[in-house]
Amino acid sequence: MPILTRYLSPEQYGLIAIYVVYTAILGSLVGVSTLTAFTKIYYDEKYENRSYLSISILVSLLSALILFILVYVSGDYIADLYNIQLWWLYVGVISVFFENIISVQTLLYRMKSKVFKFGLFQLCRVMLRAGITIYLVVAMDFEENGPIISGIITASIFMVISIYVLYTNRSLSLHPNLEYAKHALRFGIPLTPHVLFGALSTTIDKIVIAIMLTKEELGIYAVGFAIGGLIKSLEGAVYIAYQPWFFQEISSDKCDNKKIRNSSYLILIGLLLSSLTVILISNIFLQYYVGERFLKAVEIIPWIAMAFAINGIFTMANQVVMYKEKTGVISLITFSSVLLGVFLNYILIETNGLVGAAQAILLLMSIRALTMWIYSNRLYPLG
């Protein structure tokens, strides 16, 4: 980011932000949450993991093909509406499908507790993408196209690596049990609206900014969101470790509710302290990190950092609801939060300008977390 903010304008950052929103929405649709279903059945001996995982990949392929056709039909309209290049839309579908394949391998690393391999795999991905992006933007002058191209190049390389590792480790079956598809879709389809609206709930601010304000302001907001969103990355890393542990613990005959509850409290405290650290550091060093053109982003960071810290409550409570397979309720809560998010963003952006979008995110996350916590506690009290 410190390099890109010197070579890209706020408006160019705004265009990239629109692409990020687009791929986030696609990512919620590819695979229709069948990988989450696999996570749940991983410790259940009545399912054969290799066959179930193969079903998940087939579903991902079919859903990606459907999305590709939809882009072919409506791509021109979307590109004109948001003033982005048409080929970005096609690249987005391919990148998201490749990332879905990659997530199969990273999921297996998580479920098998291969922490070092998982960390090394992810680190190499991040470093390669960053290196290619900097080269394309700085040396080749690809401007806003640089991050898009680097994304598809990196995804292609690591998709091939993932397929190779999955094949050599015999993690897939060439003759998947189609009966598993019924369970995977029965679990995943009701959950997909939750994943979709979950993506929208954290991107609706950018969509409303793109409509109500300028792409330059969207670019500034995107930088502030990215820095405050470090807490989202931390929360995601915690979730990656927490989810398999939670399902293993709660599925045990000797489930320790107190242990689960105390772990949740520690995670929440850690997220809150981390958000305060991000806020403090950004107030002191942001001008050196992003440059003068993006300095207004400092107003965005505190709201976003606290929002994602509070979102940790939603994420942990959500696991209880998924364990009880009440995925339809999850989708209902998330759908309602998107509708509320549109209203809050419109009102607060109209009132407070750019910072209003960040305030709306914090308020929305707080309401959603409280609702999910109350419901999950009624469904399965942890004491």
Protein backbone atom coordinates (compact mmCIF):
# COMPACT_ATOMS: atom_id res chain seq x y z
CA MET A 1 0.00 0.00 0.00
CA PRO A 2 2.70 2.62 0.78
CA ILE A 3 4.04 2.17 -2.75
CA LEU A 4 0.71 1.95 -4.57
CA THR A 5 -0.70 5.08 -2.93
CA ARG A 6 2.23 7.01 -4.48
CA TYR A 7 1.57 5.62 -7.98
CA LEU A 8 -2.23 5.35 -8.05
CA SER A 9 -4.69 8.21 -7.65
CA PRO A 10 -7.64 8.06 -5.24
CA GLU A 11 -9.93 7.65 -8.25
CA GLN A 12 -7.95 4.64 -9.49
CA TYR A 13 -8.13 3.17 -6.00
CA GLY A 14 -11.88 3.71 -6.21
CA LEU A 15 -12.09 1.60 -9.36
CA ILE A 16 -10.11 -1.18 -7.69
CA ALA A 17 -12.48 -0.96 -4.69
CA ILE A 18 -15.42 -1.59 -7.03
CA TYR A 19 -13.66 -4.69 -8.40
CA VAL A 20 -13.04 -5.93 -4.83
CA VAL A 21 -16.75 -5.55 -4.05
CA TYR A 22 -17.61 -7.44 -7.25
CA THR A 23 -15.31 -10.39 -6.44
CA ALA A 24 -16.55 -10.48 -2.83
CA ILE A 25 -20.09 -10.95 -4.13
CA LEU A 26 -18.95 -13.63 -6.60
CA GLY A 27 -17.01 -15.38 -3.85
CA SER A 28 -20.17 -15.77 -1.80
CA LEU A 29 -21.91 -17.54 -4.70
CA VAL A 30 -19.25 -19.88 -6.10
CA GLY A 31 -19.60 -23.24 -4.40
CA VAL A 32 -22.84 -22.27 -2.58
CA SER A 33 -21.17 -22.86 0.81
CA THR A 34 -20.59 -26.59 0.26
CA LEU A 35 -17.06 -26.23 1.67
CA THR A 36 -18.61 -25.05 4.92
CA ALA A 37 -20.73 -28.21 4.85
CA PHE A 38 -17.53 -30.24 4.44
CA THR A 39 -16.05 -28.51 7.49
CA LYS A 40 -19.04 -29.60 9.55
CA ILE A 41 -18.98 -33.28 8.48
CA TYR A 42 -15.18 -33.65 8.58
CA TYR A 43 -15.23 -35.36 11.99
CA ASP A 44 -18.35 -37.41 11.22
CA GLU A 45 -17.33 -40.99 10.41
CA LYS A 46 -20.45 -41.75 8.37
CA TYR A 47 -19.13 -39.54 5.53
CA GLU A 48 -16.17 -40.28 3.27
CA ASN A 49 -14.17 -37.05 3.17
CA ARG A 50 -12.50 -37.55 -0.22
CA SER A 51 -15.82 -38.08 -1.97
CA TYR A 52 -17.54 -35.21 -0.16
CA LEU A 53 -14.71 -32.81 -1.04
CA SER A 54 -14.91 -33.81 -4.70
CA ILE A 55 -18.62 -32.98 -4.69
CA SER A 56 -17.81 -29.53 -3.31
CA ILE A 57 -15.37 -28.86 -6.15
CA LEU A 58 -17.89 -30.00 -8.79
CA VAL A 59 -20.51 -27.66 -7.32
CA SER A 60 -17.97 -24.82 -7.41
CA LEU A 61 -17.23 -25.48 -11.08
CA LEU A 62 -20.90 -25.56 -12.05
CA SER A 63 -21.72 -22.39 -10.12
CA ALA A 64 -18.73 -20.58 -11.67
CA LEU A 65 -19.89 -21.57 -15.17
CA ILE A 66 -23.36 -20.19 -14.43
CA LEU A 67 -21.85 -16.90 -13.23
CA PHE A 68 -19.65 -16.73 -16.34
CA ILE A 69 -22.77 -17.00 -18.51
CA LEU A 70 -24.51 -14.28 -16.48
CA VAL A 71 -21.51 -11.98 -16.98
CA TYR A 72 -21.64 -12.68 -20.72
CA VAL A 73 -25.30 -11.63 -20.76
CA SER A 74 -25.13 -8.59 -18.48
CA GLY A 75 -21.43 -7.64 -18.48
CA ASP A 76 -21.73 -4.61 -20.76
CA TYR A 77 -24.39 -3.05 -18.56
CA ILE A 78 -22.40 -3.60 -15.34
CA ALA A 79 -19.18 -2.26 -16.89
CA ASP A 80 -20.93 0.89 -18.11
CA LEU A 81 -22.77 1.39 -14.82
CA TYR A 82 -19.61 1.43 -12.71
CA ASN A 83 -17.20 2.66 -15.39
CA ILE A 84 -14.92 -0.38 -15.20
CA GLN A 85 -13.45 -2.47 -18.00
CA LEU A 86 -15.48 -5.45 -19.23
CA TRP A 87 -12.58 -7.89 -19.07
CA TRP A 88 -12.32 -7.25 -15.32
CA LEU A 89 -15.70 -8.96 -14.91
CA TYR A 90 -14.59 -12.14 -16.68
CA VAL A 91 -11.27 -12.20 -14.85
CA GLY A 92 -13.18 -11.80 -11.58
CA VAL A 93 -15.20 -14.98 -12.15
CA ILE A 94 -12.11 -17.00 -13.08
CA SER A 95 -10.10 -15.64 -10.14
CA VAL A 96 -12.85 -16.44 -7.66
CA PHE A 97 -13.17 -20.02 -8.95
CA PHE A 98 -9.41 -20.51 -8.72
CA GLU A 99 -9.45 -19.08 -5.20
CA ASN A 100 -12.18 -21.54 -4.31
CA ILE A 101 -9.95 -24.44 -5.40
CA ILE A 102 -7.09 -22.96 -3.38
CA SER A 103 -9.35 -22.70 -0.33
CA VAL A 104 -9.92 -26.48 -0.54
CA GLN A 105 -6.24 -27.08 0.10
CA THR A 106 -5.96 -24.43 2.81
CA LEU A 107 -9.05 -25.89 4.47
CA LEU A 108 -7.42 -29.31 4.63
CA TYR A 109 -4.31 -27.77 6.19
CA ARG A 110 -6.58 -26.24 8.85
CA MET A 111 -8.60 -29.36 9.53
CA LYS A 112 -5.44 -31.47 9.85
CA SER A 113 -3.81 -28.82 12.09
CA LYS A 114 -0.87 -28.36 9.72
CA VAL A 115 -0.26 -24.84 10.93
CA PHE A 116 3.21 -24.36 9.46
CA LYS A 117 2.22 -25.54 5.97
CA PHE A 118 -0.90 -23.39 6.05
CA GLY A 119 1.04 -20.31 7.14
CA LEU A 120 3.80 -20.84 4.58
CA PHE A 121 1.28 -21.41 1.78
CA GLN A 122 -0.62 -18.22 2.61
CA LEU A 123 2.54 -16.16 3.10
CA CYS A 124 3.89 -17.19 -0.31
CA ARG A 125 0.58 -16.23 -1.94
CA VAL A 126 0.57 -12.78 -0.35
CA MET A 127 4.22 -12.09 -1.15
CA LEU A 128 3.93 -13.25 -4.77
CA ARG A 129 0.83 -11.17 -5.40
CA ALA A 130 2.37 -8.10 -3.77
CA GLY A 131 5.56 -8.49 -5.80
CA ILE A 132 3.73 -8.89 -9.11
CA THR A 133 1.42 -5.97 -8.31
CA ILE A 134 4.31 -3.61 -7.53
CA TYR A 135 6.16 -4.68 -10.68
CA LEU A 136 3.14 -4.14 -12.92
CA VAL A 137 2.18 -0.78 -11.40
CA VAL A 138 5.63 0.73 -10.84
CA ALA A 139 7.80 -0.79 -13.56
CA MET A 140 5.25 -1.53 -16.29
CA ASP A 141 2.87 1.39 -15.63
CA PHE A 142 -0.25 -0.81 -15.72
CA GLU A 143 -1.97 1.62 -13.33
CA GLU A 144 -5.25 0.26 -11.87
CA ASN A 145 -5.02 -2.84 -14.08
CA GLY A 146 -1.93 -4.02 -12.19
CA PRO A 147 -3.68 -5.39 -9.08
CA ILE A 148 -6.31 -7.12 -11.23
CA ILE A 149 -3.73 -8.88 -13.41
CA SER A 150 -1.53 -9.82 -10.45
CA GLY A 151 -4.58 -11.36 -8.77
CA ILE A 152 -5.36 -13.71 -11.67
CA ILE A 153 -1.69 -14.63 -12.16
CA THR A 154 -1.23 -15.51 -8.48
CA ALA A 155 -4.53 -17.39 -8.31
CA SER A 156 -3.58 -19.42 -11.42
CA ILE A 157 -0.21 -20.43 -9.99
CA PHE A 158 -1.54 -21.47 -6.60
CA MET A 159 -4.57 -23.20 -8.10
CA VAL A 160 -2.19 -25.46 -10.04
CA ILE A 161 -0.14 -26.07 -6.88
CA SER A 162 -3.31 -26.88 -4.92
CA ILE A 163 -4.54 -29.37 -7.53
CA TYR A 164 -1.14 -31.05 -7.54
CA VAL A 165 -1.04 -31.35 -3.73
CA LEU A 166 -4.63 -32.59 -3.58
CA TYR A 167 -3.86 -35.21 -6.24
CA THR A 168 -0.60 -36.44 -4.72
CA ASN A 169 -2.15 -36.64 -1.23
CA ARG A 170 -5.16 -38.52 -2.61
CA SER A 171 -7.51 -36.00 -1.07
CA LEU A 172 -10.03 -36.26 -3.92
CA SER A 173 -12.10 -39.08 -5.33
CA LEU A 174 -12.57 -39.67 -9.04
CA HIS A 175 -15.88 -41.39 -8.25
CA PRO A 176 -17.66 -39.06 -5.82
CA ASN A 177 -20.82 -40.23 -4.06
CA LEU A 178 -23.61 -38.16 -5.59
CA GLU A 179 -25.76 -38.80 -2.51
CA TYR A 180 -23.40 -36.45 -0.65
CA ALA A 181 -24.43 -33.69 -3.03
CA LYS A 182 -27.91 -33.72 -1.49
CA HIS A 183 -26.52 -33.13 2.00
CA ALA A 184 -24.01 -30.54 0.82
CA LEU A 185 -26.64 -28.57 -1.09
CA ARG A 186 -29.24 -28.97 1.65
CA PHE A 187 -26.76 -27.44 4.09
CA GLY A 188 -25.09 -24.98 1.72
CA ILE A 189 -27.96 -23.46 -0.26
CA PRO A 190 -29.82 -22.05 2.79
CA LEU A 191 -26.46 -20.74 4.05
CA THR A 192 -25.53 -19.06 0.75
CA PRO A 193 -27.85 -16.06 1.22
CA HIS A 194 -26.10 -15.50 4.56
CA VAL A 195 -22.69 -15.58 2.88
CA LEU A 196 -23.92 -13.33 0.06
CA PHE A 197 -25.58 -10.82 2.36
CA GLY A 198 -22.61 -11.09 4.70
CA ALA A 199 -20.42 -9.95 1.83
CA LEU A 200 -22.89 -7.20 1.02
CA SER A 201 -23.07 -6.07 4.65
CA THR A 202 -19.34 -5.30 4.58
CA THR A 203 -19.38 -3.84 1.04
CA ILE A 204 -22.70 -2.00 0.94
CA ASP A 205 -20.88 1.09 2.23
CA LYS A 206 -18.67 1.15 -0.86
CA ILE A 207 -21.65 0.60 -3.17
CA VAL A 208 -23.54 3.51 -1.62
CA ILE A 209 -20.43 5.72 -1.72
CA ALA A 210 -19.99 4.91 -5.41
CA ILE A 211 -23.57 6.07 -6.01
CA MET A 212 -23.75 9.09 -3.68
CA LEU A 213 -20.17 10.40 -3.74
CA THR A 214 -17.21 10.28 -6.14
CA LYS A 215 -14.76 7.52 -7.05
CA GLU A 216 -11.99 9.69 -5.59
CA GLU A 217 -13.73 9.66 -2.20
CA LEU A 218 -14.35 5.93 -2.61
CA GLY A 219 -10.61 5.44 -3.13
CA ILE A 220 -9.78 7.34 0.07
CA TYR A 221 -12.41 5.34 1.93
CA ALA A 222 -11.01 2.07 0.52
CA VAL A 223 -7.55 2.88 1.92
CA GLY A 224 -8.98 3.66 5.37
CA PHE A 225 -11.12 0.53 5.20
CA ALA A 226 -8.08 -1.58 4.28
CA ILE A 227 -6.08 -0.33 7.26
CA GLY A 228 -8.96 -0.62 9.72
CA GLY A 229 -9.72 -3.94 8.05
CA LEU A 230 -6.49 -5.36 9.43
CA ILE A 231 -8.73 -6.37 12.32
CA LYS A 232 -10.93 -8.23 9.82
CA SER A 233 -7.83 -10.12 8.66
CA LEU A 234 -6.95 -10.90 12.26
CA GLU A 235 -10.52 -12.01 12.94
CA GLY A 236 -10.38 -14.19 9.83
CA ALA A 237 -7.13 -15.81 10.98
CA VAL A 238 -8.67 -16.51 14.38
CA TYR A 239 -11.79 -17.93 12.71
CA ILE A 240 -9.67 -20.25 10.59
CA ALA A 241 -8.25 -21.79 13.76
CA TYR A 242 -11.41 -21.47 15.87
CA GLN A 243 -13.97 -23.11 13.55
CA PRO A 244 -12.47 -26.63 13.29
CA TRP A 245 -11.59 -26.55 17.01
CA PHE A 246 -15.13 -25.48 17.87
CA PHE A 247 -16.81 -28.21 15.80
CA GLN A 248 -14.45 -30.83 17.21
CA GLU A 249 -15.03 -29.63 20.77
CA ILE A 250 -18.81 -29.28 20.58
CA SER A 251 -19.15 -32.65 18.80
CA SER A 252 -17.24 -34.39 21.59
CA ASP A 253 -19.07 -36.56 24.11
CA LYS A 254 -17.27 -34.58 26.82
CA CYS A 255 -17.97 -31.10 25.48
CA ASP A 256 -16.72 -28.40 27.86
CA ASN A 257 -19.07 -25.43 27.46
CA LYS A 258 -17.05 -23.35 29.88
CA LYS A 259 -13.91 -23.86 27.79
CA ILE A 260 -15.72 -22.71 24.64
CA ARG A 261 -17.19 -19.69 26.42
CA ASN A 262 -13.87 -18.59 27.94
CA SER A 263 -12.09 -19.00 24.61
CA SER A 264 -14.69 -16.73 23.00
CA TYR A 265 -14.15 -14.06 25.66
CA LEU A 266 -10.37 -14.15 25.19
CA ILE A 267 -10.73 -13.81 21.42
CA LEU A 268 -13.05 -10.82 21.78
CA ILE A 269 -10.71 -9.06 24.23
CA GLY A 270 -7.79 -9.69 21.88
CA LEU A 271 -9.69 -8.21 18.93
CA LEU A 272 -10.68 -5.10 20.90
CA LEU A 273 -7.11 -4.49 22.09
CA SER A 274 -5.80 -5.03 18.56
CA SER A 275 -8.27 -2.50 17.17
CA LEU A 276 -7.14 0.11 19.69
CA THR A 277 -3.54 -0.55 18.66
CA VAL A 278 -4.37 -0.05 14.95
CA ILE A 279 -6.19 3.20 15.75
CA LEU A 280 -3.30 4.56 17.81
CA ILE A 281 -0.60 3.68 15.26
CA SER A 282 -2.59 5.02 12.30
CA ASN A 283 -3.11 8.37 14.03
CA ILE A 284 0.65 8.75 14.43
CA PHE A 285 2.09 7.24 11.26
CA LEU A 286 -0.61 7.32 8.54
CA GLN A 287 0.80 10.39 6.76
CA TYR A 288 4.11 8.58 6.25
CA TYR A 289 2.39 5.36 5.19
CA VAL A 290 -0.07 6.49 2.51
CA GLY A 291 0.96 10.02 1.58
CA GLU A 292 -0.91 13.30 1.56
CA ARG A 293 -3.56 12.41 -1.05
CA PHE A 294 -5.03 9.68 1.15
CA LEU A 295 -4.56 11.35 4.54
CA LYS A 296 -8.30 11.83 5.03
CA ALA A 297 -8.50 8.05 5.48
CA VAL A 298 -7.44 8.55 9.12
CA GLU A 299 -11.05 9.53 9.89
CA ILE A 300 -12.30 6.17 8.61
CA ILE A 301 -9.93 3.80 10.40
CA PRO A 302 -11.25 3.93 14.02
CA TRP A 303 -14.83 3.12 13.02
CA ILE A 304 -13.81 0.22 10.77
CA ALA A 305 -11.33 -1.28 13.26
CA MET A 306 -13.91 -1.30 16.07
CA ALA A 307 -16.60 -2.64 13.72
CA PHE A 308 -14.58 -5.73 12.85
CA ALA A 309 -13.57 -6.29 16.47
CA ILE A 310 -17.26 -6.38 17.41
CA ASN A 311 -17.98 -8.60 14.40
CA GLY A 312 -15.99 -11.27 16.24
CA ILE A 313 -19.04 -11.75 18.48
CA PHE A 314 -21.18 -12.46 15.41
CA THR A 315 -18.62 -14.87 13.96
CA MET A 316 -18.33 -16.97 17.12
CA ALA A 317 -22.07 -17.01 17.83
CA ASN A 318 -22.62 -17.98 14.22
CA GLN A 319 -20.74 -21.26 14.75
CA VAL A 320 -23.31 -22.41 17.30
CA VAL A 321 -26.16 -21.73 14.86
CA MET A 322 -24.35 -23.58 12.05
CA TYR A 323 -23.73 -26.54 14.37
CA LYS A 324 -27.48 -26.70 14.96
CA GLU A 325 -27.94 -26.45 11.16
CA LYS A 326 -30.23 -23.42 11.47
CA THR A 327 -28.64 -21.91 8.38
CA GLY A 328 -31.89 -20.38 7.20
CA VAL A 329 -32.02 -18.21 10.33
CA ILE A 330 -28.44 -17.06 9.70
CA SER A 331 -29.43 -15.97 6.21
CA LEU A 332 -32.50 -14.14 7.53
CA ILE A 333 -30.43 -12.19 10.07
CA THR A 334 -27.80 -11.32 7.48
CA PHE A 335 -30.39 -10.32 4.87
CA SER A 336 -32.06 -8.02 7.38
CA SER A 337 -28.69 -6.47 8.19
CA VAL A 338 -28.13 -5.63 4.51
CA LEU A 339 -31.46 -3.81 4.29
CA LEU A 340 -30.62 -1.97 7.50
CA GLY A 341 -27.15 -1.23 6.11
CA VAL A 342 -28.56 0.50 3.03
CA PHE A 343 -30.74 2.69 5.24
CA LEU A 344 -27.95 3.52 7.72
CA ASN A 345 -25.43 4.29 4.98
CA TYR A 346 -27.82 6.59 3.15
CA ILE A 347 -28.74 8.51 6.32
CA LEU A 348 -25.22 8.78 7.77
CA ILE A 349 -23.46 9.56 4.46
CA GLU A 350 -26.07 12.23 3.80
CA THR A 351 -25.44 13.62 7.30
CA ASN A 352 -21.71 13.11 7.89
CA GLY A 353 -20.28 12.55 4.42
CA LEU A 354 -17.57 9.95 3.87
CA VAL A 355 -17.06 9.14 7.56
CA GLY A 356 -20.79 8.40 7.82
CA ALA A 357 -20.26 5.18 5.84
CA ALA A 358 -17.75 3.95 8.42
CA GLN A 359 -20.09 4.91 11.25
CA ALA A 360 -22.86 2.93 9.55
CA ILE A 361 -20.63 -0.15 9.39
CA LEU A 362 -19.91 0.03 13.14
CA LEU A 363 -23.58 0.47 14.03
CA LEU A 364 -24.64 -2.31 11.67
CA MET A 365 -22.02 -4.77 12.97
CA SER A 366 -23.04 -4.04 16.57
CA ILE A 367 -26.74 -4.68 15.91
CA ARG A 368 -26.02 -7.85 13.92
CA ALA A 369 -23.62 -9.22 16.54
CA LEU A 370 -26.09 -8.62 19.37
CA THR A 371 -28.93 -10.29 17.45
CA MET A 372 -26.85 -13.38 16.63
CA TRP A 373 -25.50 -13.65 20.17
CA ILE A 374 -29.01 -13.58 21.68
CA TYR A 375 -30.33 -16.18 19.22
CA SER A 376 -27.35 -18.55 19.57
CA ASN A 377 -27.54 -18.37 23.36
CA ARG A 378 -31.19 -19.39 23.28
CA LEU A 379 -30.42 -22.17 20.82
CA TYR A 380 -27.47 -23.61 22.76
CA PRO A 381 -26.63 -21.88 26.07
CA LEU A 382 -22.93 -22.10 26.88
CA GLY A 383 -23.50 -21.21 30.52
